[in-house]
Every structure is written in structure tokens, then in C-alpha cells.
Amino acid sequence: MSTWSSLGIAVLLVLVVVLALCLRIVQQYQRGVVFRFGRVLGHIREPGLRLLVPFADRMVKVSTQVVVLAVAPQGAITRDNVTVEVDAAVYFRVVDPVKAIVNVQDYTHAVSQVAQTSLRTIIGRADLDTLLSDRDRISAELKAVIDAPTEQPWGVRIELVELKDISLPESMKRSMSRQAEAERERRARVIAADGERQASEQLAAAAAAMAHTPGAMHLRLLQTVADVAVEKNSTLVMPFPVELLRFFGHSDPDGAAPSVTWERAPGTASPSRPVDGPEPGWFAPAEPNGSPGARAGSPTGAGPDGDR
């Protein structure tokens, strides 16, 4: 009885070992590639509990999840001879597990090396302005370059490529700052000049409209005086209308405004000729027709003794 019990226990242990060698669990995000006596089988094992032939089959599990690969910063020279360092991120996943296992030894390392060389190639084709302003196009070109040698031969599809950072030399950063500042100043001057031009056009139109209506100028003058009088000022500046000068100019028959020449009377000690008006000791000489001039200080043209 003990012999049969020992034999049953031994058979049970053998069955457990055989089942352990035959059964494999494949996760939902994995695919199984089976090698039978070193030869790959075309049928890929899907997720679930899978049975293998013991001592003959060997299964390699391949993840189909998206893998994020950080590309190390690559120093390169752009098309316009500027040295930059660019790093990127590559998102890829396995679409053909058989090719990913059979055709390449380590597809993650292989994709990393292809991404680094492709990144330097794309940087050399583009100039600095395109590299800084049009990152979407650079990323699309980099994705196409990396995807060409990886998808068909290796069964790895590049989902997305993004440029992370572009490092420039300090001298180039200062030059770009000065260029941006000069550009902003130029635009400010252009906008100010355009505003002056528009303002001059509007002022010219307003002046033309006022020229046809003489009363408009007086109304504008009164409005300006009213605006100035709103403030609490002790000084009020009144503009002198040009029409008054024209009125005094028409009083002379020859069309010129009358003028008076002042001369110093004998015996006075005034050092200089008055400029803005008569001073004591100065008088207007007689007119060409013989009439006496107006003595300085006399409001009615009387002599120095006050005779009227």
C-alpha cells in the first residue's frame, strides 16, 4: 500500500512539473512569440493562458505598450552655421513582435541610436530661424526619418517625436535679444509715423472745412479758451487772430502797416532807443508834410510842457 502511495505521489509531482512547463500566461499588453526547437512559429500567442509543448517550445513575451525614449542632447551645426544642442523625446511601440525579436537584437537601443543620428541630420538641414519657429515641421520630418528604417525591418512604429529643448550659445542669445529689441523699436517708430500721417490728413481736412466757414475758426478759438479756463490757472493765453494784422495792414494806402521811428531828444540821458514803446526823453520826428511828431510821454501828441 505504501508503494502505490509513493508511486501516485511521484506521478502527481511529474504532472505538476509538466503543467508548469507547458502553461504560460500572456498579459493583455503582451504578445507571445514561440520558438520550437529554435525555429519561430508564425502564430503569435494572444493574451491569456497558453499551452506549450514541454522541452520543445520556448516563448518570448513582447510588450506592445508605447515606450517613451528620451534622446540625449545632440550638438550639431545648422545650415546657417550656428552651433546648437537639441534633445528630443521619441514615442514608439511594437507592431510586429516577430520582427522585433528576430530582426534586431535590442530594438529599444536600436531606436535610440537611429533617433540620435536622425536628429543631427535634421538639424543640419534646417536653419536656426526654422528650428526655433517651426518645430512642428521639424518634428514631422524627424518622425519620418526615424520611422523609415524601423517600421518595416524591425516591426517598430514611431508614434510621435517632439523636440524638448534647443540650447543656444550665450553670444547668440545676446545677439537675438538685440535683434528683437531693434525690431520692436522699428515697429514702434513705424506705428508712430503712421499715426502722425493720419493725424496730419485729418487736420488738413479740418483746416479745409474751417477755411470755407470763417465763423468756425472763432468758435474753435472760444472752445480752446473755455478748455483752458476749466483749469485753475491764473494766466490765460489768448491767441492773436491773424485777421487783425491784415486789417491794420490795409490802413496804409501802399498796403504796408504804418510805422513810427523814435529819436532821442537833446539833453536827455536815456542810453538806448526804446524798443517796445516810448520812454521819457524820446519823441517821434516830424512827418514829411511838416506836422510835428508825438513827444514821448504825451498821450495826445503834446510837447514836453504838456501843451495841448
Protein backbone atom coordinates (compact mmCIF):
# COMPACT_ATOMS: atom_id res chain seq x y z
CA MET A 1 0.00 0.00 0.00
CA SER A 2 2.82 2.34 0.77
CA THR A 3 4.45 1.51 -2.60
CA TRP A 4 1.34 2.53 -4.51
CA SER A 5 1.02 5.68 -2.49
CA SER A 6 4.60 6.67 -3.22
CA LEU A 7 4.07 5.94 -6.92
CA GLY A 8 0.95 8.09 -7.01
CA ILE A 9 2.69 10.94 -5.34
CA ALA A 10 5.57 10.72 -7.82
CA VAL A 11 3.18 10.72 -10.79
CA LEU A 12 1.37 13.72 -9.35
CA LEU A 13 4.63 15.61 -8.97
CA VAL A 14 5.57 14.81 -12.56
CA LEU A 15 2.24 16.09 -13.80
CA VAL A 16 2.65 19.30 -11.83
CA VAL A 17 6.11 19.84 -13.30
CA VAL A 18 4.85 19.13 -16.83
CA LEU A 19 1.95 21.53 -16.42
CA ALA A 20 4.32 24.18 -15.08
CA LEU A 21 6.46 23.72 -18.19
CA CYS A 22 3.50 23.71 -20.58
CA LEU A 23 1.34 26.57 -19.30
CA ARG A 24 2.21 30.24 -19.83
CA ILE A 25 0.22 33.35 -19.03
CA VAL A 26 0.30 36.22 -21.54
CA GLN A 27 -0.78 39.63 -20.24
CA GLN A 28 -3.18 41.91 -22.09
CA TYR A 29 -0.41 44.31 -23.13
CA GLN A 30 1.88 41.47 -24.29
CA ARG A 31 2.21 39.16 -27.27
CA GLY A 32 3.99 35.80 -27.24
CA VAL A 33 6.48 34.62 -29.86
CA VAL A 34 7.06 30.84 -29.69
CA PHE A 35 10.26 29.13 -30.80
CA ARG A 36 10.04 25.35 -31.34
CA PHE A 37 13.43 23.76 -31.42
CA GLY A 38 14.89 27.18 -32.24
CA ARG A 39 12.52 27.87 -35.12
CA VAL A 40 9.97 30.65 -34.76
CA LEU A 41 6.34 29.74 -35.24
CA GLY A 42 4.22 32.04 -37.35
CA HIS A 43 1.29 32.01 -34.92
CA ILE A 44 1.58 34.71 -32.27
CA ARG A 45 0.18 33.85 -28.87
CA GLU A 46 -2.54 36.26 -27.81
CA PRO A 47 -3.22 37.34 -24.19
CA GLY A 48 -4.48 34.60 -21.87
CA LEU A 49 -3.42 31.11 -20.67
CA ARG A 50 -1.37 29.38 -23.36
CA LEU A 51 -0.19 25.79 -23.63
CA LEU A 52 3.30 24.92 -24.90
CA VAL A 53 4.99 21.67 -25.77
CA PRO A 54 7.35 20.94 -22.86
CA PHE A 55 11.07 20.80 -23.58
CA ALA A 56 10.39 21.81 -27.21
CA ASP A 57 8.77 25.26 -27.15
CA ARG A 58 10.19 28.49 -25.76
CA MET A 59 8.05 31.63 -25.66
CA VAL A 60 9.34 35.22 -25.61
CA LYS A 61 6.91 37.88 -24.46
CA VAL A 62 6.95 41.27 -26.22
CA SER A 63 5.24 44.37 -24.82
CA THR A 64 3.02 46.32 -27.20
CA GLN A 65 2.77 49.38 -24.97
CA VAL A 66 4.01 52.76 -26.10
CA VAL A 67 7.58 53.29 -24.97
CA VAL A 68 8.90 56.80 -24.26
CA LEU A 69 12.54 57.19 -25.20
CA ALA A 70 14.48 60.31 -24.21
CA VAL A 71 17.10 61.22 -26.79
CA ALA A 72 20.28 62.64 -25.30
CA PRO A 73 21.18 66.23 -26.27
CA GLN A 74 22.85 66.26 -29.65
CA GLY A 75 25.25 69.02 -30.67
CA ALA A 76 25.06 69.94 -34.33
CA ILE A 77 25.57 72.83 -36.73
CA THR A 78 22.58 74.29 -38.53
CA ARG A 79 22.51 75.23 -42.18
CA ASP A 80 23.40 78.83 -41.36
CA ASN A 81 26.47 77.71 -39.32
CA VAL A 82 25.10 78.08 -35.79
CA THR A 83 26.07 75.54 -33.14
CA VAL A 84 23.09 74.26 -31.13
CA GLU A 85 22.23 71.41 -28.81
CA VAL A 86 18.84 69.76 -29.24
CA ASP A 87 17.22 66.97 -27.25
CA ALA A 88 14.00 65.19 -28.11
CA ALA A 89 11.52 62.56 -26.96
CA VAL A 90 10.52 59.59 -29.14
CA TYR A 91 7.29 57.64 -28.61
CA PHE A 92 7.19 54.21 -30.27
CA ARG A 93 5.59 50.76 -29.90
CA VAL A 94 6.00 47.30 -31.36
CA VAL A 95 3.53 46.41 -34.12
CA ASP A 96 5.16 43.17 -35.29
CA PRO A 97 6.56 41.13 -32.38
CA VAL A 98 8.22 38.55 -34.64
CA LYS A 99 10.31 41.16 -36.48
CA ALA A 100 11.11 42.97 -33.23
CA ILE A 101 12.56 39.75 -31.77
CA VAL A 102 14.12 38.12 -34.82
CA ASN A 103 15.42 41.03 -36.95
CA VAL A 104 17.01 43.18 -34.25
CA GLN A 105 18.78 42.26 -31.04
CA ASP A 106 17.64 45.16 -28.84
CA TYR A 107 15.04 47.27 -30.60
CA THR A 108 14.94 49.93 -27.83
CA HIS A 109 18.67 50.62 -28.12
CA ALA A 110 18.45 50.48 -31.90
CA VAL A 111 15.64 53.08 -31.98
CA SER A 112 17.67 55.30 -29.65
CA GLN A 113 20.71 55.26 -31.94
CA VAL A 114 18.61 55.92 -35.06
CA ALA A 115 16.89 58.82 -33.29
CA GLN A 116 20.22 60.43 -32.34
CA THR A 117 21.69 60.23 -35.84
CA SER A 118 18.43 61.37 -37.45
CA LEU A 119 18.21 64.32 -35.07
CA ARG A 120 21.68 65.54 -36.08
CA THR A 121 20.76 65.10 -39.75
CA ILE A 122 17.56 67.14 -39.47
CA ILE A 123 19.34 69.91 -37.55
CA GLY A 124 21.96 70.18 -40.29
CA ARG A 125 19.26 70.62 -42.95
CA ALA A 126 17.38 73.45 -41.23
CA ASP A 127 18.47 76.98 -40.36
CA LEU A 128 18.18 78.48 -36.90
CA ASP A 129 15.02 80.52 -37.54
CA THR A 130 13.16 77.46 -38.84
CA LEU A 131 14.40 75.37 -35.94
CA LEU A 132 13.04 77.88 -33.43
CA SER A 133 9.80 78.92 -35.09
CA ASP A 134 8.61 75.80 -36.96
CA ARG A 135 9.07 72.94 -34.52
CA ASP A 136 6.06 71.03 -35.81
CA ARG A 137 7.58 70.65 -39.27
CA ILE A 138 10.96 69.66 -37.81
CA SER A 139 9.27 67.05 -35.60
CA ALA A 140 7.31 65.65 -38.55
CA GLU A 141 10.47 65.35 -40.65
CA LEU A 142 12.31 63.70 -37.76
CA LYS A 143 9.46 61.20 -37.29
CA ALA A 144 9.54 60.28 -40.98
CA VAL A 145 13.32 59.83 -40.95
CA ILE A 146 13.25 57.60 -37.84
CA ASP A 147 10.22 55.62 -38.96
CA ALA A 148 11.71 54.64 -42.34
CA PRO A 149 14.34 52.14 -41.09
CA THR A 150 12.38 50.87 -38.08
CA GLU A 151 8.80 50.01 -39.02
CA GLN A 152 9.23 47.62 -41.93
CA PRO A 153 12.52 45.87 -40.99
CA TRP A 154 12.13 45.88 -37.19
CA GLY A 155 8.36 46.00 -36.67
CA VAL A 156 8.58 49.16 -34.55
CA ARG A 157 6.31 52.11 -35.34
CA ILE A 158 7.23 55.67 -34.34
CA GLU A 159 4.10 57.27 -32.93
CA LEU A 160 5.39 60.75 -32.12
CA VAL A 161 8.59 62.78 -31.97
CA GLU A 162 8.82 66.04 -30.04
CA LEU A 163 11.71 68.47 -29.68
CA LYS A 164 12.20 69.21 -25.98
CA ASP A 165 14.83 71.93 -25.76
CA ILE A 166 17.11 73.92 -28.04
CA SER A 167 20.23 75.29 -26.34
CA LEU A 168 21.98 78.26 -27.93
CA PRO A 169 25.35 79.84 -27.12
CA GLU A 170 25.28 82.87 -24.83
CA SER A 171 26.64 85.16 -27.55
CA MET A 172 23.84 84.07 -29.87
CA LYS A 173 21.25 84.72 -27.17
CA ARG A 174 22.54 88.28 -26.68
CA SER A 175 22.54 88.88 -30.44
CA MET A 176 18.97 87.66 -30.74
CA SER A 177 17.92 89.88 -27.85
CA ARG A 178 19.41 92.94 -29.54
CA GLN A 179 17.77 91.99 -32.81
CA ALA A 180 14.36 91.58 -31.16
CA GLU A 181 14.74 94.91 -29.38
CA ALA A 182 15.67 96.67 -32.62
CA GLU A 183 12.70 95.09 -34.37
CA ARG A 184 10.30 96.25 -31.64
CA GLU A 185 11.73 99.77 -31.80
CA ARG A 186 11.37 99.82 -35.59
CA ARG A 187 7.73 98.76 -35.35
CA ALA A 188 7.06 101.40 -32.70
CA ARG A 189 8.51 104.11 -34.93
CA VAL A 190 6.53 102.91 -37.93
CA ILE A 191 3.31 102.93 -35.91
CA ALA A 192 4.05 106.42 -34.56
CA ALA A 193 4.85 107.73 -38.05
CA ASP A 194 1.65 106.21 -39.42
CA GLY A 195 -0.30 107.87 -36.63
CA GLU A 196 1.28 111.25 -37.42
CA ARG A 197 0.41 110.81 -41.08
CA GLN A 198 -3.22 110.01 -40.31
CA ALA A 199 -3.42 112.91 -37.86
CA SER A 200 -1.98 115.32 -40.45
CA GLU A 201 -4.54 114.16 -43.01
CA GLN A 202 -7.38 114.73 -40.57
CA LEU A 203 -6.01 118.16 -39.57
CA ALA A 204 -5.69 119.14 -43.21
CA ALA A 205 -9.30 118.11 -43.81
CA ALA A 206 -10.43 120.08 -40.73
CA ALA A 207 -8.48 123.16 -41.85
CA ALA A 208 -10.05 122.95 -45.29
CA ALA A 209 -13.53 122.75 -43.76
CA MET A 210 -12.84 125.73 -41.47
CA ALA A 211 -11.49 127.78 -44.38
CA HIS A 212 -14.90 127.69 -46.05
CA THR A 213 -16.66 128.84 -42.85
CA PRO A 214 -15.00 131.89 -41.22
CA GLY A 215 -17.08 131.60 -38.07
CA ALA A 216 -15.76 128.10 -37.39
CA MET A 217 -12.31 129.48 -36.53
CA HIS A 218 -13.81 131.83 -33.94
CA LEU A 219 -15.88 129.03 -32.45
CA ARG A 220 -12.78 126.91 -32.23
CA LEU A 221 -10.92 129.76 -30.55
CA LEU A 222 -13.68 130.16 -27.98
CA GLN A 223 -13.71 126.43 -27.33
CA THR A 224 -9.94 126.46 -26.74
CA VAL A 225 -10.30 129.37 -24.30
CA ALA A 226 -13.07 127.51 -22.49
CA ASP A 227 -10.94 124.39 -22.23
CA VAL A 228 -8.04 126.38 -20.79
CA ALA A 229 -10.31 128.22 -18.36
CA VAL A 230 -11.55 124.96 -16.83
CA GLU A 231 -8.21 124.52 -15.06
CA LYS A 232 -7.49 126.69 -12.04
CA ASN A 233 -4.89 128.85 -13.73
CA SER A 234 -4.02 132.46 -13.00
CA THR A 235 -2.67 133.00 -16.52
CA LEU A 236 -4.78 132.88 -19.65
CA VAL A 237 -3.05 132.87 -23.04
CA MET A 238 -5.11 134.46 -25.79
CA PRO A 239 -4.03 133.83 -29.37
CA PHE A 240 -3.91 136.91 -31.56
CA PRO A 241 -6.06 136.48 -34.69
CA VAL A 242 -4.23 136.96 -37.96
CA GLU A 243 -7.23 138.85 -39.39
CA LEU A 244 -6.43 141.83 -37.15
CA LEU A 245 -2.96 142.12 -38.64
CA ARG A 246 -4.50 142.06 -42.09
CA PHE A 247 -6.90 144.85 -41.02
CA PHE A 248 -4.06 147.12 -39.84
CA GLY A 249 -2.13 146.33 -42.98
CA HIS A 250 -4.98 147.62 -45.16
CA SER A 251 -4.98 151.02 -43.34
CA ASP A 252 -1.84 152.14 -45.26
CA PRO A 253 -2.52 153.18 -48.88
CA ASP A 254 0.59 151.38 -50.05
CA GLY A 255 -0.55 148.21 -48.35
CA ALA A 256 2.03 148.38 -45.55
CA ALA A 257 1.33 148.93 -41.86
CA PRO A 258 2.25 152.43 -40.52
CA SER A 259 5.48 152.60 -38.59
CA VAL A 260 6.94 155.22 -36.16
CA THR A 261 10.63 155.99 -35.72
CA TRP A 262 11.62 157.19 -32.27
CA GLU A 263 14.50 159.61 -31.68
CA ARG A 264 16.13 160.88 -28.50
CA ALA A 265 15.51 164.50 -27.53
CA PRO A 266 18.55 166.73 -26.97
CA GLY A 267 19.77 166.88 -23.38
CA THR A 268 18.24 163.57 -22.28
CA ALA A 269 20.29 160.85 -20.68
CA SER A 270 18.41 157.79 -22.00
CA PRO A 271 21.11 155.28 -23.00
CA SER A 272 19.33 153.43 -25.77
CA ARG A 273 16.45 153.62 -28.15
CA PRO A 274 13.18 152.18 -26.81
CA VAL A 275 12.10 149.01 -28.47
CA ASP A 276 8.58 148.28 -27.26
CA GLY A 277 7.33 151.85 -26.79
CA PRO A 278 8.18 155.46 -25.94
CA GLU A 279 10.18 156.39 -22.86
CA PRO A 280 10.80 159.81 -21.31
CA GLY A 281 13.20 161.82 -23.47
CA TRP A 282 12.20 160.23 -26.77
CA PHE A 283 9.94 161.71 -29.42
CA ALA A 284 8.68 160.98 -32.90
CA PRO A 285 10.15 163.29 -35.55
CA ALA A 286 8.01 165.40 -37.78
CA GLU A 287 6.25 163.77 -40.65
CA PRO A 288 7.25 164.60 -44.24
CA ASN A 289 4.30 167.00 -44.52
CA GLY A 290 5.69 169.18 -41.67
CA SER A 291 3.38 168.14 -38.84
CA PRO A 292 5.21 167.77 -35.53
CA GLY A 293 5.74 164.28 -34.09
CA ALA A 294 4.32 162.99 -30.84
CA ARG A 295 6.51 163.70 -27.84
CA ALA A 296 7.20 160.71 -25.70
CA GLY A 297 5.07 160.51 -22.61
CA SER A 298 2.30 162.72 -24.08
CA PRO A 299 -0.88 160.80 -24.85
CA THR A 300 -2.25 163.39 -27.29
CA GLY A 301 0.89 164.42 -29.10
CA ALA A 302 1.58 167.47 -26.80
CA GLY A 303 5.05 168.86 -26.14
CA PRO A 304 7.15 168.23 -23.12
CA ASP A 305 5.44 171.10 -21.22
CA GLY A 306 2.04 169.49 -21.58
CA ASP A 307 0.62 171.97 -24.13
CA ARG A 308 -2.39 170.65 -25.89
